Amino acid sequence: GWMGLDVKPVPSKGGSALLVKATSAGGPAAKAGVLPGDTITHFNKQAIVDGRLTMQQIAQMRPGDIIDIQLQRNEQPMSLQAIIGERPSNSG
């Protein structure tokens, strides 16, 4: 599965989070409303403990699966839903 996220692990109150550096135009995260600068704290109501492990878990999801995203934007909590996509073949 693919979300179209470029993230950087950062510390957070709950342990770890993912700072969104960029989203792929037209990708699942962008379509869901995720913006650069958002801090993702949970996927599917599970706190992020290890950012790399979380991204591997997303990669193992199937295109079409729905994922809940909890994030902080300007210190305000938000919940979004994204539909896992298939990695474009032209992405490096």
Protein backbone atom coordinates (compact mmCIF):
# COMPACT_ATOMS: atom_id res chain seq x y z
CA GLY A 1 0.00 0.00 0.00
CA TRP A 2 0.98 3.62 -0.51
CA MET A 3 0.01 6.88 1.20
CA GLY A 4 2.09 9.43 -0.70
CA LEU A 5 3.77 10.75 2.43
CA ASP A 6 7.27 12.08 3.02
CA VAL A 7 7.64 12.06 6.80
CA LYS A 8 10.27 12.53 9.48
CA PRO A 9 10.02 10.79 12.89
CA VAL A 10 9.81 13.31 15.75
CA PRO A 11 9.35 12.94 19.52
CA SER A 12 5.87 13.56 20.91
CA LYS A 13 4.04 13.34 24.22
CA GLY A 14 2.94 9.80 23.45
CA GLY A 15 6.44 8.68 22.44
CA SER A 16 6.83 9.27 18.72
CA ALA A 17 5.06 10.95 15.84
CA LEU A 18 5.59 11.60 12.13
CA LEU A 19 6.11 15.15 10.90
CA VAL A 20 4.77 15.48 7.36
CA LYS A 21 7.46 17.04 5.16
CA ALA A 22 5.49 16.67 1.92
CA THR A 23 2.60 14.81 0.31
CA SER A 24 2.44 13.45 -3.23
CA ALA A 25 0.05 15.48 -5.37
CA GLY A 26 -3.09 13.43 -5.89
CA GLY A 27 -1.87 10.77 -3.45
CA PRO A 28 -4.03 9.20 -0.75
CA ALA A 29 -2.72 11.43 2.06
CA ALA A 30 -3.21 14.63 0.04
CA LYS A 31 -6.73 13.56 -0.98
CA ALA A 32 -7.54 12.91 2.70
CA GLY A 33 -6.46 16.45 3.59
CA VAL A 34 -3.04 15.80 5.16
CA LEU A 35 -0.83 18.88 4.80
CA PRO A 36 2.92 19.45 5.10
CA GLY A 37 3.61 20.55 8.67
CA ASP A 38 0.99 18.22 10.16
CA THR A 39 2.20 15.87 12.90
CA ILE A 40 0.67 12.40 12.63
CA THR A 41 0.28 10.78 16.05
CA HIS A 42 -1.86 7.69 15.34
CA PHE A 43 -2.80 5.41 12.45
CA ASN A 44 -5.95 3.30 12.98
CA LYS A 45 -6.08 4.48 16.61
CA GLN A 46 -2.64 3.01 17.32
CA ALA A 47 0.00 5.37 18.66
CA ILE A 48 3.14 5.64 16.59
CA VAL A 49 5.99 4.05 18.50
CA ASP A 50 8.50 3.62 15.66
CA GLY A 51 7.99 5.74 12.54
CA ARG A 52 9.81 3.34 10.20
CA LEU A 53 7.82 0.38 11.50
CA THR A 54 4.58 2.33 11.02
CA MET A 55 5.45 3.13 7.40
CA GLN A 56 6.30 -0.56 6.82
CA GLN A 57 2.90 -1.54 8.23
CA ILE A 58 1.20 0.91 5.84
CA ALA A 59 3.20 -0.55 2.95
CA GLN A 60 1.77 -3.98 3.82
CA MET A 61 -1.84 -2.74 3.62
CA ARG A 62 -3.81 -3.37 0.45
CA PRO A 63 -4.85 -0.66 -2.00
CA GLY A 64 -8.44 0.25 -1.18
CA ASP A 65 -8.03 -0.31 2.57
CA ILE A 66 -9.22 2.61 4.69
CA ILE A 67 -6.86 4.02 7.31
CA ASP A 68 -7.76 6.42 10.11
CA ILE A 69 -5.21 9.18 10.66
CA GLN A 70 -5.03 11.20 13.87
CA LEU A 71 -2.84 14.25 13.64
CA GLN A 72 -2.06 17.63 15.16
CA ARG A 73 -2.32 20.77 13.03
CA ASN A 74 -1.44 24.06 14.70
CA GLU A 75 -1.72 22.20 18.04
CA GLN A 76 -5.32 21.19 17.25
CA PRO A 77 -6.18 17.47 17.09
CA MET A 78 -7.76 16.30 13.84
CA SER A 79 -8.98 12.96 12.49
CA LEU A 80 -8.93 12.11 8.78
CA GLN A 81 -9.53 9.00 6.72
CA ALA A 82 -7.47 7.97 3.72
CA ILE A 83 -7.85 5.16 1.23
CA ILE A 84 -4.59 3.28 0.73
CA GLY A 85 -3.38 3.57 -2.85
CA GLU A 86 -1.02 1.69 -5.10
CA ARG A 87 2.48 3.12 -5.48
CA PRO A 88 2.80 4.76 -8.91
CA SER A 89 5.23 2.84 -11.09
CA ASN A 90 7.06 6.05 -12.05
CA SER A 91 7.99 7.01 -8.48
CA GLY A 92 11.62 6.56 -7.54
